[in-house]
């Protein structure tokens, strides 16, 4: 499974293909959904995340911490063009990883320890583990 597909697996495309009504999904590690949400109710994007380095994922993660529900709209879709690979992406990703850990710590302070979060570079895919604490 490619990491790009992994980032959108929670959508459950196997259900989406034939669905005629919305269905609820759970936020998953590194999930990057395309969101439809009122600006009035959504948290603001955190300014530490630029362009494609954890911006959508961190926003969805804060929404999960805040108790938002995630629903798939089956009669809708989004077209996405691939990003051009940045020549310094490894360095940028390392900084983004550190920013994400700091962001998670701030979310835990703000909302409580709702998710157990850890990073291990040897853990596929991309090393992150986010598990909801029961």
C-alpha atoms as a PDB file:
ATOM      1  CA  UNK A   1       0.000   0.000   0.000  1.00  0.00           C
ATOM      2  CA  UNK A   2       1.438   3.397  -0.902  1.00  0.00           C
ATOM      3  CA  UNK A   3       1.684   6.108   1.724  1.00  0.00           C
ATOM      4  CA  UNK A   4      -0.555   8.355  -0.397  1.00  0.00           C
ATOM      5  CA  UNK A   5      -3.340   5.777  -0.298  1.00  0.00           C
ATOM      6  CA  UNK A   6      -2.730   5.169   3.408  1.00  0.00           C
ATOM      7  CA  UNK A   7      -3.377   8.858   4.137  1.00  0.00           C
ATOM      8  CA  UNK A   8      -6.930   8.464   2.839  1.00  0.00           C
ATOM      9  CA  UNK A   9      -7.800   4.876   3.859  1.00  0.00           C
ATOM     10  CA  UNK A  10     -10.201   5.906   6.628  1.00  0.00           C
ATOM     11  CA  UNK A  11     -12.582   7.144   3.911  1.00  0.00           C
ATOM     12  CA  UNK A  12     -13.312   3.482   3.111  1.00  0.00           C
ATOM     13  CA  UNK A  13     -13.477   3.793  -0.661  1.00  0.00           C
ATOM     14  CA  UNK A  14     -14.805   0.221  -0.792  1.00  0.00           C
ATOM     15  CA  UNK A  15     -18.005   1.566   0.844  1.00  0.00           C
ATOM     16  CA  UNK A  16     -17.973   4.924  -0.946  1.00  0.00           C
ATOM     17  CA  UNK A  17     -18.187   3.387  -4.448  1.00  0.00           C
ATOM     18  CA  UNK A  18     -21.710   2.057  -3.887  1.00  0.00           C
ATOM     19  CA  UNK A  19     -22.965   4.223  -1.004  1.00  0.00           C
ATOM     20  CA  UNK A  20     -26.085   6.327  -1.431  1.00  0.00           C
ATOM     21  CA  UNK A  21     -26.130   7.774   2.101  1.00  0.00           C
ATOM     22  CA  UNK A  22     -23.457   9.308   4.310  1.00  0.00           C
ATOM     23  CA  UNK A  23     -21.561   7.040   6.678  1.00  0.00           C
ATOM     24  CA  UNK A  24     -19.460   7.799   9.730  1.00  0.00           C
ATOM     25  CA  UNK A  25     -15.760   6.973   9.896  1.00  0.00           C
ATOM     26  CA  UNK A  26     -13.109   7.196  12.608  1.00  0.00           C
ATOM     27  CA  UNK A  27     -10.012   9.339  12.341  1.00  0.00           C
ATOM     28  CA  UNK A  28      -6.929   7.166  11.737  1.00  0.00           C
ATOM     29  CA  UNK A  29      -3.189   7.704  11.965  1.00  0.00           C
ATOM     30  CA  UNK A  30      -2.061  10.343   9.468  1.00  0.00           C
ATOM     31  CA  UNK A  31      -5.546  10.667   7.956  1.00  0.00           C
ATOM     32  CA  UNK A  32      -5.762  13.598   5.525  1.00  0.00           C
ATOM     33  CA  UNK A  33      -9.439  14.040   4.706  1.00  0.00           C
ATOM     34  CA  UNK A  34     -10.797  16.797   2.525  1.00  0.00           C
ATOM     35  CA  UNK A  35     -13.188  18.542   4.891  1.00  0.00           C
ATOM     36  CA  UNK A  36     -16.446  20.409   4.575  1.00  0.00           C
ATOM     37  CA  UNK A  37     -16.902  22.297   7.827  1.00  0.00           C
ATOM     38  CA  UNK A  38     -18.140  25.673   8.998  1.00  0.00           C
ATOM     39  CA  UNK A  39     -15.245  28.084   9.560  1.00  0.00           C
ATOM     40  CA  UNK A  40     -17.153  29.309  12.592  1.00  0.00           C
ATOM     41  CA  UNK A  41     -16.782  25.921  14.307  1.00  0.00           C
ATOM     42  CA  UNK A  42     -13.518  24.556  12.921  1.00  0.00           C
ATOM     43  CA  UNK A  43     -10.197  25.135  14.656  1.00  0.00           C
ATOM     44  CA  UNK A  44      -7.788  27.319  12.708  1.00  0.00           C
ATOM     45  CA  UNK A  45      -4.944  25.736  10.781  1.00  0.00           C
ATOM     46  CA  UNK A  46      -1.817  25.738  12.903  1.00  0.00           C
ATOM     47  CA  UNK A  47       0.742  28.039  11.306  1.00  0.00           C
ATOM     48  CA  UNK A  48       3.664  25.649  11.946  1.00  0.00           C
ATOM     49  CA  UNK A  49       2.530  23.441   9.058  1.00  0.00           C
ATOM     50  CA  UNK A  50       3.291  24.678   5.581  1.00  0.00           C
ATOM     51  CA  UNK A  51       2.024  23.465   2.253  1.00  0.00           C
ATOM     52  CA  UNK A  52       1.943  19.676   2.224  1.00  0.00           C
ATOM     53  CA  UNK A  53       3.818  18.853   5.396  1.00  0.00           C
ATOM     54  CA  UNK A  54       1.166  17.688   7.893  1.00  0.00           C
ATOM     55  CA  UNK A  55      -1.178  20.631   7.265  1.00  0.00           C
ATOM     56  CA  UNK A  56      -4.401  18.711   6.484  1.00  0.00           C
ATOM     57  CA  UNK A  57      -3.525  15.884   8.842  1.00  0.00           C
ATOM     58  CA  UNK A  58      -2.803  18.175  11.803  1.00  0.00           C
ATOM     59  CA  UNK A  59      -6.053  20.051  11.203  1.00  0.00           C
ATOM     60  CA  UNK A  60      -8.071  16.811  11.114  1.00  0.00           C
ATOM     61  CA  UNK A  61      -6.180  15.560  14.173  1.00  0.00           C
ATOM     62  CA  UNK A  62      -7.179  18.634  16.172  1.00  0.00           C
ATOM     63  CA  UNK A  63     -10.766  18.135  15.051  1.00  0.00           C
ATOM     64  CA  UNK A  64     -10.599  14.525  16.290  1.00  0.00           C
ATOM     65  CA  UNK A  65      -9.176  15.711  19.633  1.00  0.00           C
ATOM     66  CA  UNK A  66     -11.974  18.307  19.824  1.00  0.00           C
ATOM     67  CA  UNK A  67     -14.635  15.627  19.355  1.00  0.00           C
ATOM     68  CA  UNK A  68     -15.698  16.316  15.766  1.00  0.00           C
ATOM     69  CA  UNK A  69     -17.336  13.430  13.924  1.00  0.00           C
ATOM     70  CA  UNK A  70     -16.138  12.474  10.451  1.00  0.00           C
ATOM     71  CA  UNK A  71     -18.752  11.574   7.838  1.00  0.00           C
ATOM     72  CA  UNK A  72     -18.201  10.627   4.207  1.00  0.00           C
ATOM     73  CA  UNK A  73     -20.399  12.297   1.602  1.00  0.00           C
ATOM     74  CA  UNK A  74     -20.899   9.516  -0.964  1.00  0.00           C
ATOM     75  CA  UNK A  75     -22.275  11.597  -3.816  1.00  0.00           C
ATOM     76  CA  UNK A  76     -19.288  13.958  -3.800  1.00  0.00           C
ATOM     77  CA  UNK A  77     -15.653  13.776  -4.768  1.00  0.00           C
ATOM     78  CA  UNK A  78     -12.561  15.960  -5.021  1.00  0.00           C
ATOM     79  CA  UNK A  79      -9.897  15.984  -7.695  1.00  0.00           C
ATOM     80  CA  UNK A  80      -6.372  16.412  -6.385  1.00  0.00           C
ATOM     81  CA  UNK A  81      -3.266  17.113  -8.428  1.00  0.00           C
ATOM     82  CA  UNK A  82      -0.013  15.564  -7.208  1.00  0.00           C
ATOM     83  CA  UNK A  83       2.532  17.830  -5.551  1.00  0.00           C
ATOM     84  CA  UNK A  84       5.870  18.556  -7.176  1.00  0.00           C
ATOM     85  CA  UNK A  85       8.558  16.960  -5.035  1.00  0.00           C
ATOM     86  CA  UNK A  86      10.590  19.614  -3.235  1.00  0.00           C
ATOM     87  CA  UNK A  87      14.377  19.058  -3.476  1.00  0.00           C
ATOM     88  CA  UNK A  88      14.705  19.566   0.295  1.00  0.00           C
ATOM     89  CA  UNK A  89      11.672  17.476   1.269  1.00  0.00           C
ATOM     90  CA  UNK A  90      13.590  15.141   3.605  1.00  0.00           C
ATOM     91  CA  UNK A  91      14.905  18.087   5.629  1.00  0.00           C
ATOM     92  CA  UNK A  92      11.537  19.816   5.615  1.00  0.00           C
ATOM     93  CA  UNK A  93       9.779  16.601   6.671  1.00  0.00           C
ATOM     94  CA  UNK A  94      12.143  16.211   9.627  1.00  0.00           C
ATOM     95  CA  UNK A  95      11.250  19.736  10.827  1.00  0.00           C
ATOM     96  CA  UNK A  96       7.556  19.045  10.182  1.00  0.00           C
ATOM     97  CA  UNK A  97       7.806  15.857  12.270  1.00  0.00           C
ATOM     98  CA  UNK A  98       9.190  17.842  15.207  1.00  0.00           C
ATOM     99  CA  UNK A  99       6.490  20.492  14.744  1.00  0.00           C
ATOM    100  CA  UNK A 100       3.861  17.731  14.743  1.00  0.00           C
ATOM    101  CA  UNK A 101       5.104  16.279  18.041  1.00  0.00           C
ATOM    102  CA  UNK A 102       5.030  19.752  19.619  1.00  0.00           C
ATOM    103  CA  UNK A 103       1.560  20.288  18.190  1.00  0.00           C
ATOM    104  CA  UNK A 104       0.341  16.967  19.636  1.00  0.00           C
ATOM    105  CA  UNK A 105       1.676  17.966  23.066  1.00  0.00           C
ATOM    106  CA  UNK A 106      -0.257  21.241  22.817  1.00  0.00           C
ATOM    107  CA  UNK A 107      -3.413  19.316  21.806  1.00  0.00           C
ATOM    108  CA  UNK A 108      -3.006  16.992  24.793  1.00  0.00           C
ATOM    109  CA  UNK A 109      -2.772  20.023  27.094  1.00  0.00           C
ATOM    110  CA  UNK A 110      -5.762  21.704  25.457  1.00  0.00           C
ATOM    111  CA  UNK A 111      -8.102  18.686  25.106  1.00  0.00           C
ATOM    112  CA  UNK A 112      -6.639  16.045  27.437  1.00  0.00           C
ATOM    113  CA  UNK A 113      -4.871  12.778  26.683  1.00  0.00           C
ATOM    114  CA  UNK A 114      -7.375  11.454  24.161  1.00  0.00           C
ATOM    115  CA  UNK A 115      -4.748   9.847  21.909  1.00  0.00           C
ATOM    116  CA  UNK A 116      -1.581   7.950  22.739  1.00  0.00           C
ATOM    117  CA  UNK A 117       0.959   9.332  20.281  1.00  0.00           C
ATOM    118  CA  UNK A 118       4.430   8.078  19.465  1.00  0.00           C
ATOM    119  CA  UNK A 119       6.943   8.221  16.644  1.00  0.00           C
ATOM    120  CA  UNK A 120       9.363   5.473  15.671  1.00  0.00           C
ATOM    121  CA  UNK A 121      11.160   5.890  12.324  1.00  0.00           C
ATOM    122  CA  UNK A 122      11.248   2.094  11.928  1.00  0.00           C
ATOM    123  CA  UNK A 123       7.460   1.763  12.177  1.00  0.00           C
ATOM    124  CA  UNK A 124       5.688   1.684   8.822  1.00  0.00           C
ATOM    125  CA  UNK A 125       4.096   3.669   7.380  1.00  0.00           C
ATOM    126  CA  UNK A 126       5.928   6.896   8.161  1.00  0.00           C
ATOM    127  CA  UNK A 127       6.631   5.983  11.785  1.00  0.00           C
ATOM    128  CA  UNK A 128       3.619   7.513  13.540  1.00  0.00           C
ATOM    129  CA  UNK A 129       1.195   5.787  15.876  1.00  0.00           C
ATOM    130  CA  UNK A 130      -1.958   7.517  17.108  1.00  0.00           C
ATOM    131  CA  UNK A 131      -4.265   5.336  19.185  1.00  0.00           C
ATOM    132  CA  UNK A 132      -7.417   6.547  20.869  1.00  0.00           C
ATOM    133  CA  UNK A 133      -7.284   5.942  24.612  1.00  0.00           C
ATOM    134  CA  UNK A 134     -10.421   4.108  25.746  1.00  0.00           C
END
